[in-house]
Every structure is written in C-alpha cells, then in structure tokens.
N, C-alpha and C. Protein backbone atom coordinates (compact mmCIF):
# COMPACT_ATOMS: atom_id res chain seq x y z
N MET A 1 -66.93 206.30 106.31
CA MET A 1 -67.73 206.32 107.60
C MET A 1 -68.85 206.13 107.21
N LEU A 2 -69.93 204.99 108.06
CA LEU A 2 -70.75 204.36 107.49
C LEU A 2 -71.88 205.37 107.22
N LEU A 3 -72.23 206.91 107.18
CA LEU A 3 -73.25 207.53 107.05
C LEU A 3 -73.07 208.31 105.88
N ASP A 4 -71.71 208.02 105.10
CA ASP A 4 -71.59 208.09 103.34
C ASP A 4 -72.37 206.86 102.70
N ARG A 5 -72.86 206.21 103.32
CA ARG A 5 -73.96 205.27 102.56
C ARG A 5 -75.11 205.81 102.51
N PRO A 6 -75.72 205.85 101.42
CA PRO A 6 -77.21 206.45 101.71
C PRO A 6 -78.14 205.82 102.06
N PHE A 7 -78.11 204.64 102.22
CA PHE A 7 -79.46 203.51 102.88
C PHE A 7 -78.82 204.19 104.45
N LEU A 8 -77.62 203.67 104.73
CA LEU A 8 -77.34 204.33 106.13
C LEU A 8 -77.56 205.36 106.83
N ARG A 9 -77.52 206.17 106.00
CA ARG A 9 -77.78 207.94 105.97
C ARG A 9 -79.36 208.02 106.47
N ARG A 10 -79.87 207.76 105.20
CA ARG A 10 -81.19 207.80 105.54
C ARG A 10 -82.37 207.22 106.67
N LEU A 11 -81.53 205.87 106.87
CA LEU A 11 -81.87 204.73 108.06
C LEU A 11 -81.54 206.02 109.51
N PHE A 12 -80.80 206.54 109.49
CA PHE A 12 -80.19 207.41 110.12
C PHE A 12 -81.08 208.52 111.13
N HIS A 13 -81.42 208.95 109.63
CA HIS A 13 -82.50 210.35 109.59
C HIS A 13 -83.87 210.07 110.07
N LEU A 14 -84.49 209.02 109.69
CA LEU A 14 -85.75 208.46 110.02
C LEU A 14 -85.53 208.12 111.39
N GLY A 15 -84.69 207.55 112.35
CA GLY A 15 -84.12 207.66 113.75
C GLY A 15 -84.90 208.22 114.26
N ALA A 16 -83.75 209.52 113.92
CA ALA A 16 -83.77 210.74 114.51
C ALA A 16 -84.86 211.25 114.30
N LEU A 17 -85.92 211.44 113.29
CA LEU A 17 -87.46 212.17 113.35
C LEU A 17 -88.03 211.31 114.20
N ALA A 18 -87.91 210.05 114.53
CA ALA A 18 -88.47 209.13 115.39
C ALA A 18 -88.65 209.59 116.71
N SER A 19 -87.64 209.52 116.97
CA SER A 19 -87.07 210.05 118.49
C SER A 19 -86.91 211.63 118.75
N ARG A 20 -86.85 212.13 117.74
CA ARG A 20 -87.02 213.89 117.96
C ARG A 20 -87.75 214.18 117.01
N GLY A 21 -89.08 213.93 116.76
CA GLY A 21 -90.22 214.70 116.19
C GLY A 21 -90.58 215.84 116.08
N VAL A 22 -90.53 216.88 115.26
CA VAL A 22 -90.82 218.05 115.80
C VAL A 22 -91.98 218.78 114.34
N THR A 23 -93.06 218.93 114.41
CA THR A 23 -94.10 219.22 113.86
C THR A 23 -94.02 220.98 113.81
N LEU A 24 -94.45 221.23 112.76
CA LEU A 24 -94.65 222.39 112.14
C LEU A 24 -95.91 223.02 111.70
N GLY A 25 -96.07 224.10 112.10
CA GLY A 25 -97.53 224.22 111.48
C GLY A 25 -97.44 226.04 111.19
N VAL A 26 -98.19 226.35 110.36
CA VAL A 26 -98.00 227.56 109.69
C VAL A 26 -99.25 228.30 110.14
N ARG A 27 -98.73 229.86 110.14
CA ARG A 27 -100.18 231.01 110.23
C ARG A 27 -99.82 232.09 109.28
N GLY A 28 -100.75 232.51 108.73
CA GLY A 28 -100.59 233.95 107.85
C GLY A 28 -101.24 234.89 107.99
N VAL A 29 -100.39 236.09 108.03
CA VAL A 29 -101.36 237.78 107.79
C VAL A 29 -100.90 237.95 106.39
N ALA A 30 -102.56 238.06 106.27
CA ALA A 30 -103.21 239.36 104.99
C ALA A 30 -103.82 240.33 105.48
N LEU A 31 -103.43 241.08 105.09
CA LEU A 31 -103.35 242.66 105.24
C LEU A 31 -104.04 243.48 103.90
N ASP A 32 -104.92 243.79 104.11
CA ASP A 32 -105.56 244.56 102.61
C ASP A 32 -105.39 245.85 102.62
N GLY A 33 -105.68 246.60 101.66
CA GLY A 33 -105.23 248.28 101.24
C GLY A 33 -105.75 248.92 102.30
N GLU A 34 -107.13 248.49 103.23
CA GLU A 34 -107.47 249.25 104.21
C GLU A 34 -106.79 249.21 105.68
N GLY A 35 -105.84 248.29 105.67
CA GLY A 35 -104.98 247.99 107.23
C GLY A 35 -106.19 247.02 107.75
N ARG A 36 -106.51 246.33 107.25
CA ARG A 36 -107.71 245.25 107.66
C ARG A 36 -106.94 243.58 107.65
N VAL A 37 -106.44 242.98 108.81
CA VAL A 37 -106.16 241.47 108.66
C VAL A 37 -107.23 240.57 108.57
N ALA A 38 -107.06 239.46 107.57
CA ALA A 38 -107.93 238.48 107.84
C ALA A 38 -108.22 237.19 109.13
N LEU A 39 -108.86 237.11 109.69
CA LEU A 39 -108.89 236.53 110.82
C LEU A 39 -110.14 235.10 110.72
N VAL A 40 -109.70 234.21 111.78
CA VAL A 40 -110.54 232.99 111.18
C VAL A 40 -111.11 232.63 112.83
N ARG A 41 -112.50 232.66 112.82
CA ARG A 41 -113.16 231.31 114.09
C ARG A 41 -113.24 230.26 114.03
N HIS A 42 -112.23 228.92 113.98
CA HIS A 42 -112.70 227.98 114.22
C HIS A 42 -113.34 226.72 114.92
N THR A 43 -114.32 226.08 114.59
CA THR A 43 -115.33 225.72 115.52
C THR A 43 -115.04 224.34 116.31
N TYR A 44 -113.83 224.25 116.76
CA TYR A 44 -113.19 223.54 117.57
C TYR A 44 -112.62 223.81 118.59
N ILE A 45 -112.18 225.18 118.77
CA ILE A 45 -111.09 225.98 119.47
C ILE A 45 -111.85 227.41 119.39
N SER A 46 -111.74 228.10 120.81
CA SER A 46 -112.54 229.20 120.82
C SER A 46 -111.29 230.63 120.47
N GLY A 47 -112.02 231.68 120.16
CA GLY A 47 -111.07 233.00 119.48
C GLY A 47 -111.23 232.95 118.19
N TRP A 48 -110.01 234.07 118.29
CA TRP A 48 -110.09 234.51 116.62
C TRP A 48 -108.64 234.25 116.49
N HIS A 49 -108.39 234.14 115.33
CA HIS A 49 -106.77 233.07 114.71
C HIS A 49 -106.63 233.80 113.50
N LEU A 50 -105.06 233.68 113.35
CA LEU A 50 -104.69 234.15 111.93
C LEU A 50 -105.04 232.46 111.21
N PRO A 51 -105.07 232.77 109.90
CA PRO A 51 -105.57 231.07 109.10
C PRO A 51 -104.29 230.35 109.16
N GLY A 52 -104.45 229.14 109.25
CA GLY A 52 -103.40 228.43 109.12
C GLY A 52 -103.72 226.81 109.54
N GLY A 53 -102.54 226.01 109.48
CA GLY A 53 -102.79 224.63 109.84
C GLY A 53 -101.85 224.14 109.69
N GLY A 54 -101.28 222.89 109.86
CA GLY A 54 -100.47 221.81 109.62
C GLY A 54 -99.84 221.80 108.48
N VAL A 55 -98.72 221.74 108.42
CA VAL A 55 -97.82 221.32 107.16
C VAL A 55 -97.43 219.37 107.05
N GLU A 56 -98.36 218.93 105.80
CA GLU A 56 -98.55 218.06 105.37
C GLU A 56 -97.44 217.02 104.99
N ARG A 57 -97.24 215.92 105.06
CA ARG A 57 -95.89 215.62 104.69
C ARG A 57 -95.66 215.47 103.30
N GLY A 58 -94.70 215.88 102.53
CA GLY A 58 -94.35 216.28 101.37
C GLY A 58 -94.33 217.60 100.92
N GLU A 59 -94.73 218.52 101.76
CA GLU A 59 -95.31 219.98 101.66
C GLU A 59 -94.62 220.88 102.11
N THR A 60 -94.20 222.07 101.37
CA THR A 60 -93.29 222.78 102.05
C THR A 60 -94.06 224.28 102.91
N ALA A 61 -93.33 224.73 103.56
CA ALA A 61 -94.12 225.46 104.36
C ALA A 61 -95.36 226.57 104.18
N SER A 62 -94.45 227.10 103.26
CA SER A 62 -95.16 228.10 101.98
C SER A 62 -96.09 227.56 101.32
N ALA A 63 -96.02 226.54 100.70
CA ALA A 63 -97.59 225.66 100.10
C ALA A 63 -98.30 225.59 101.10
N ALA A 64 -97.93 224.95 102.10
CA ALA A 64 -99.19 225.02 103.36
C ALA A 64 -100.15 226.00 103.47
N MET A 65 -99.11 227.33 103.26
CA MET A 65 -99.86 228.22 104.19
C MET A 65 -100.82 228.93 102.82
N GLU A 66 -100.01 228.96 101.58
CA GLU A 66 -101.13 229.21 100.46
C GLU A 66 -102.07 228.41 100.23
N ARG A 67 -102.27 226.76 100.81
CA ARG A 67 -103.18 225.76 100.75
C ARG A 67 -104.07 226.66 101.94
N GLU A 68 -103.81 226.71 103.43
CA GLU A 68 -104.15 226.85 103.86
C GLU A 68 -105.14 228.57 104.37
N PHE A 69 -104.82 229.46 103.55
CA PHE A 69 -105.36 230.79 103.11
C PHE A 69 -106.20 230.04 102.10
N ARG A 70 -106.20 229.45 101.37
CA ARG A 70 -107.55 229.62 100.25
C ARG A 70 -108.60 228.18 101.11
N GLU A 71 -108.34 227.50 101.97
CA GLU A 71 -109.23 226.47 102.63
C GLU A 71 -109.84 227.34 103.86
N GLU A 72 -109.42 228.23 104.33
CA GLU A 72 -110.03 228.55 105.65
C GLU A 72 -110.47 230.25 105.28
N ALA A 73 -110.03 230.91 104.37
CA ALA A 73 -110.30 232.16 104.46
C ALA A 73 -110.29 232.71 102.33
N GLU A 74 -110.62 231.26 101.79
CA GLU A 74 -110.35 232.17 100.39
C GLU A 74 -109.89 233.22 99.44
N ILE A 75 -108.76 233.06 100.24
CA ILE A 75 -107.66 233.82 99.72
C ILE A 75 -106.85 233.04 99.01
N VAL A 76 -105.74 233.69 97.45
CA VAL A 76 -105.23 233.54 96.92
C VAL A 76 -103.96 234.44 96.92
N ALA A 77 -103.17 233.90 97.13
CA ALA A 77 -101.66 234.57 97.01
C ALA A 77 -101.23 235.26 95.37
N GLU A 78 -100.89 236.53 95.52
CA GLU A 78 -100.71 236.88 93.83
C GLU A 78 -99.15 237.54 94.38
N ALA A 79 -98.66 237.16 95.05
CA ALA A 79 -97.24 237.33 95.33
C ALA A 79 -96.58 236.55 96.31
N PRO A 80 -95.59 236.38 95.92
CA PRO A 80 -94.69 235.35 96.98
C PRO A 80 -94.71 235.62 98.63
N LEU A 81 -95.04 234.69 99.31
CA LEU A 81 -95.38 234.78 100.76
C LEU A 81 -93.65 235.04 101.24
N ARG A 82 -93.90 235.90 102.63
CA ARG A 82 -92.56 236.42 103.03
C ARG A 82 -92.73 235.85 104.53
N LEU A 83 -91.54 234.95 104.70
CA LEU A 83 -91.04 234.20 106.15
C LEU A 83 -90.97 235.71 107.10
N HIS A 84 -92.24 236.07 108.48
CA HIS A 84 -91.87 236.78 108.92
C HIS A 84 -91.16 236.07 110.30
N GLY A 85 -91.50 234.81 110.77
CA GLY A 85 -90.68 234.52 111.77
C GLY A 85 -91.39 233.02 112.30
N LEU A 86 -90.52 232.67 112.99
CA LEU A 86 -90.73 230.85 113.38
C LEU A 86 -90.68 230.82 114.71
N TYR A 87 -91.67 230.39 115.14
CA TYR A 87 -91.78 230.34 116.74
C TYR A 87 -92.04 229.03 117.44
N ARG A 88 -91.29 228.67 118.12
CA ARG A 88 -91.98 227.31 119.08
C ARG A 88 -93.38 227.67 120.16
N ASN A 89 -93.83 226.73 119.98
CA ASN A 89 -95.20 226.71 120.50
C ASN A 89 -95.23 225.65 121.54
N ALA A 90 -94.51 225.84 122.90
CA ALA A 90 -94.70 224.93 123.68
C ALA A 90 -96.08 224.55 124.57
N ALA A 91 -96.57 225.31 124.46
CA ALA A 91 -98.09 225.17 124.74
C ALA A 91 -99.00 223.99 124.21
N ALA A 92 -98.34 223.72 122.86
CA ALA A 92 -99.29 222.93 122.28
C ALA A 92 -98.54 221.44 122.23
N ALA A 93 -97.07 221.41 122.17
CA ALA A 93 -96.42 220.41 122.40
C ALA A 93 -94.94 220.79 122.64
N PRO A 94 -93.80 220.08 123.22
CA PRO A 94 -92.52 220.58 123.35
C PRO A 94 -91.62 220.48 122.06
N ARG A 95 -92.11 220.20 121.25
CA ARG A 95 -91.22 220.80 119.89
C ARG A 95 -92.08 220.94 118.99
N ASP A 96 -93.39 221.71 119.04
CA ASP A 96 -94.13 221.94 118.02
C ASP A 96 -93.42 223.43 117.46
N HIS A 97 -93.50 223.92 116.30
CA HIS A 97 -93.18 225.15 115.75
C HIS A 97 -94.43 225.71 114.89
N VAL A 98 -94.35 226.87 114.81
CA VAL A 98 -95.20 227.76 113.58
C VAL A 98 -94.08 228.74 113.12
N ALA A 99 -94.67 228.58 111.46
CA ALA A 99 -94.13 229.52 110.83
C ALA A 99 -95.06 230.39 110.34
N VAL A 100 -94.66 231.97 110.66
CA VAL A 100 -95.67 232.85 110.37
C VAL A 100 -95.22 233.42 108.84
N PHE A 101 -96.37 233.57 108.06
CA PHE A 101 -95.82 234.43 106.72
C PHE A 101 -96.94 235.61 106.60
N VAL A 102 -96.20 236.16 105.84
CA VAL A 102 -96.88 237.67 105.37
C VAL A 102 -97.68 237.91 104.28
N LEU A 103 -98.43 238.21 103.71
CA LEU A 103 -98.43 237.57 102.07
C LEU A 103 -98.81 239.16 101.89
N PRO A 104 -98.35 239.78 100.57
CA PRO A 104 -98.38 241.45 100.74
C PRO A 104 -99.12 241.70 99.32
N ALA A 105 -99.51 240.62 98.74
CA ALA A 105 -100.81 240.93 97.77
C ALA A 105 -101.51 239.69 97.27
N PHE A 106 -102.60 239.83 97.28
CA PHE A 106 -103.77 238.90 97.34
C PHE A 106 -105.46 238.98 96.74
N ALA A 107 -106.07 238.00 96.72
CA ALA A 107 -107.22 238.47 95.84
C ALA A 107 -107.99 237.42 96.94
N VAL A 108 -109.61 237.91 97.12
CA VAL A 108 -109.88 237.47 97.93
C VAL A 108 -111.41 236.59 96.46
N LEU A 109 -111.64 235.43 96.57
CA LEU A 109 -112.25 234.74 96.01
C LEU A 109 -113.60 234.85 95.88
N ARG A 110 -114.22 234.82 97.12
CA ARG A 110 -115.64 234.87 97.81
C ARG A 110 -115.74 234.94 99.06
N PRO A 111 -116.80 235.56 99.64
CA PRO A 111 -117.05 235.73 101.27
C PRO A 111 -116.75 233.77 101.34
N LYS A 112 -116.16 234.04 102.46
CA LYS A 112 -116.21 232.31 103.43
C LYS A 112 -116.96 232.11 104.11
N ALA A 113 -117.63 230.94 103.21
CA ALA A 113 -118.82 230.15 104.06
C ALA A 113 -118.70 229.26 105.17
N PRO A 114 -119.24 229.36 106.22
CA PRO A 114 -119.11 228.56 107.33
C PRO A 114 -118.91 227.08 106.81
N ASP A 115 -117.82 226.19 107.45
CA ASP A 115 -118.06 225.16 106.87
C ASP A 115 -117.76 224.01 108.32
N ARG A 116 -117.13 222.86 107.99
CA ARG A 116 -117.15 222.04 109.30
C ARG A 116 -116.03 222.51 110.32
N GLU A 117 -115.25 223.02 109.73
CA GLU A 117 -113.64 223.64 110.39
C GLU A 117 -113.68 225.27 110.61
N ILE A 118 -114.38 225.89 109.80
CA ILE A 118 -114.49 227.32 110.04
C ILE A 118 -116.08 227.63 110.24
N ALA A 119 -115.77 228.52 111.30
CA ALA A 119 -117.18 229.07 111.96
C ALA A 119 -117.24 230.23 111.30
N ALA A 120 -116.44 231.14 111.03
CA ALA A 120 -116.45 232.44 110.51
C ALA A 120 -115.07 232.71 110.31
N CYS A 121 -115.00 233.89 109.44
CA CYS A 121 -113.66 234.36 108.48
C CYS A 121 -114.35 235.81 108.31
N GLY A 122 -113.18 236.62 108.63
CA GLY A 122 -113.17 238.36 108.12
C GLY A 122 -112.21 239.26 108.22
N PHE A 123 -112.55 239.87 107.76
CA PHE A 123 -111.46 241.05 107.83
C PHE A 123 -111.71 242.13 108.68
N PHE A 124 -110.39 242.48 109.75
CA PHE A 124 -110.82 243.43 110.80
C PHE A 124 -109.98 244.38 110.91
N PRO A 125 -109.95 245.45 111.36
CA PRO A 125 -108.66 246.49 111.74
C PRO A 125 -107.61 245.63 112.59
N ALA A 126 -106.51 245.74 112.30
CA ALA A 126 -105.14 245.47 112.59
C ALA A 126 -104.93 245.95 113.86
N ASP A 127 -105.13 247.26 114.04
CA ASP A 127 -104.51 247.64 115.05
C ASP A 127 -106.17 247.91 116.07
N ALA A 128 -107.34 247.18 115.84
CA ALA A 128 -108.32 247.01 116.84
C ALA A 128 -109.39 245.40 116.17
N PRO A 129 -108.46 244.34 116.53
CA PRO A 129 -108.94 243.26 116.31
C PRO A 129 -110.44 242.59 116.81
N PRO A 130 -110.89 242.13 116.77
CA PRO A 130 -112.18 241.23 117.86
C PRO A 130 -112.02 241.14 118.88
N GLU A 131 -112.86 240.91 119.65
CA GLU A 131 -112.79 240.91 121.10
C GLU A 131 -112.88 239.21 121.27
N GLY A 132 -111.66 238.35 121.70
CA GLY A 132 -111.56 237.11 122.01
C GLY A 132 -110.60 236.58 120.60
N THR A 133 -109.63 238.26 120.54
CA THR A 133 -108.44 237.54 119.63
C THR A 133 -107.35 236.57 120.35
N THR A 134 -107.03 235.72 119.88
CA THR A 134 -106.08 235.31 120.64
C THR A 134 -104.53 235.93 121.25
N ARG A 135 -104.16 235.88 121.92
CA ARG A 135 -102.75 236.22 122.41
C ARG A 135 -101.62 236.52 121.65
N ALA A 136 -101.84 235.00 120.80
CA ALA A 136 -100.34 235.16 120.15
C ALA A 136 -100.77 235.85 118.81
N THR A 137 -102.27 235.71 118.05
CA THR A 137 -102.14 236.56 117.36
C THR A 137 -102.07 237.93 117.48
N LEU A 138 -102.49 238.40 118.42
CA LEU A 138 -101.86 239.87 118.85
C LEU A 138 -100.78 240.33 119.15
N ALA A 139 -99.93 239.51 119.72
CA ALA A 139 -98.27 239.77 119.24
C ALA A 139 -97.74 239.51 117.98
N ARG A 140 -98.21 238.88 117.11
CA ARG A 140 -97.84 238.46 115.81
C ARG A 140 -98.07 239.97 115.04
N LEU A 141 -99.69 240.35 114.99
CA LEU A 141 -99.61 241.42 114.51
C LEU A 141 -98.98 242.75 114.81
N GLN A 142 -98.79 243.00 116.76
CA GLN A 142 -98.07 243.84 116.87
C GLN A 142 -96.42 243.76 116.17
N GLU A 143 -96.17 242.60 116.16
CA GLU A 143 -94.49 243.05 116.18
C GLU A 143 -94.65 243.01 114.18
N ILE A 144 -95.69 242.68 113.62
CA ILE A 144 -95.38 243.22 111.85
C ILE A 144 -96.23 244.49 111.71
N ARG A 145 -97.30 245.19 112.73
CA ARG A 145 -97.28 246.45 112.58
C ARG A 145 -96.40 247.22 113.06
N GLN A 146 -95.69 246.87 113.76
CA GLN A 146 -94.80 248.27 114.40
C GLN A 146 -93.27 247.85 114.08
N GLY A 147 -93.07 246.88 112.89
CA GLY A 147 -91.49 246.03 112.68
C GLY A 147 -90.95 245.75 114.18
N LEU A 148 -91.45 245.21 114.96
CA LEU A 148 -90.66 244.63 115.65
C LEU A 148 -89.89 243.11 115.45
N PRO A 149 -88.55 242.86 115.98
CA PRO A 149 -88.38 241.25 115.82
C PRO A 149 -89.19 240.04 115.95
N PRO A 150 -89.36 238.65 115.92
CA PRO A 150 -90.01 238.01 116.19
C PRO A 150 -89.96 237.45 117.34
N ASP A 151 -90.50 237.33 118.01
CA ASP A 151 -90.49 236.73 119.72
C ASP A 151 -90.12 235.73 119.13
N PRO A 152 -88.99 234.55 119.93
CA PRO A 152 -88.77 233.14 119.58
C PRO A 152 -90.07 232.05 119.95
N ASN A 153 -90.97 232.92 121.00
CA ASN A 153 -92.19 231.71 121.26
C ASN A 153 -93.30 231.97 120.91
N TRP A 154 -94.24 231.03 120.91
CA TRP A 154 -95.66 231.29 120.31
C TRP A 154 -96.70 232.18 121.41
C-alpha cells in the first residue's frame, strides 16, 4: 500500500491538515484552598475568562496550559494538570476546540500586573464569580463544582 511509505504517509497527513485543519485552545481552572478561581480579563475582548490561549506548533495541550497560566496569571503548577474535557467551540470557528484542564496544586508567583494582553487578573469565589463572567466560563465552573460531565459544546 502507498501509505506504508513514510514520505507518502506524511504527505497524506499534511494534505489532510491543510484541508481539514482543526484549531486547539486551552483554558484552565485553578481553584485555591478557599474555593476561589483564577479569572482574567483580556484587553481585546470583554468579560472574565478562565486563563488560556492557543496551543503553539510543537507544543502539547498541557504544556500550553502551563505556559498560559504563567503568562496570564503568574500561576505555576505544583502538580500535574488533569484534563476535564474537550469542547467544540463553533462560535469561534467550525473546527475550533478547547481543552479544559484543572490544576489541583499551584503557587502564585506574584500578583499579575496588567500588560498588553491582560487587563486584570484575580481570584474570585467559584460559586459567585464577578459580573461579566462569560457563559462558557460559568458552565465549566458549574461542571467542575457539581461533578457534572463536560458538555461537548463550548
């Protein structure tokens, strides 16, 4: 079979990616010992969100989430991330997906100073997040707090 040849197999996979590309983003839930969750407000979109962003080429989803926690909230993992769910985010793009991770133990290096991307970052009660928290963020927090299965849609 032609696909038994490594070069042709690679060419086939590149063609599939070009014609059916999927984008992958990550979001993370960092709950502290007081039941507060880390949320961020971006400079370019409204609302409070879970920290996160895009997975870069050559990066695993969990490594991307650890990077995003550090960049957006000054949070450093002290335990492995746990995948909560994978969601289709059709509102962003027809083939966009978001992986949500829970971080069971972490340290906050310092308060996150506003920058070009993050307007504000803080910890808020998970059962009473601030006004303007996005619908998807509220849904993920409810799933995690109540032990509900992940909804397949963002």
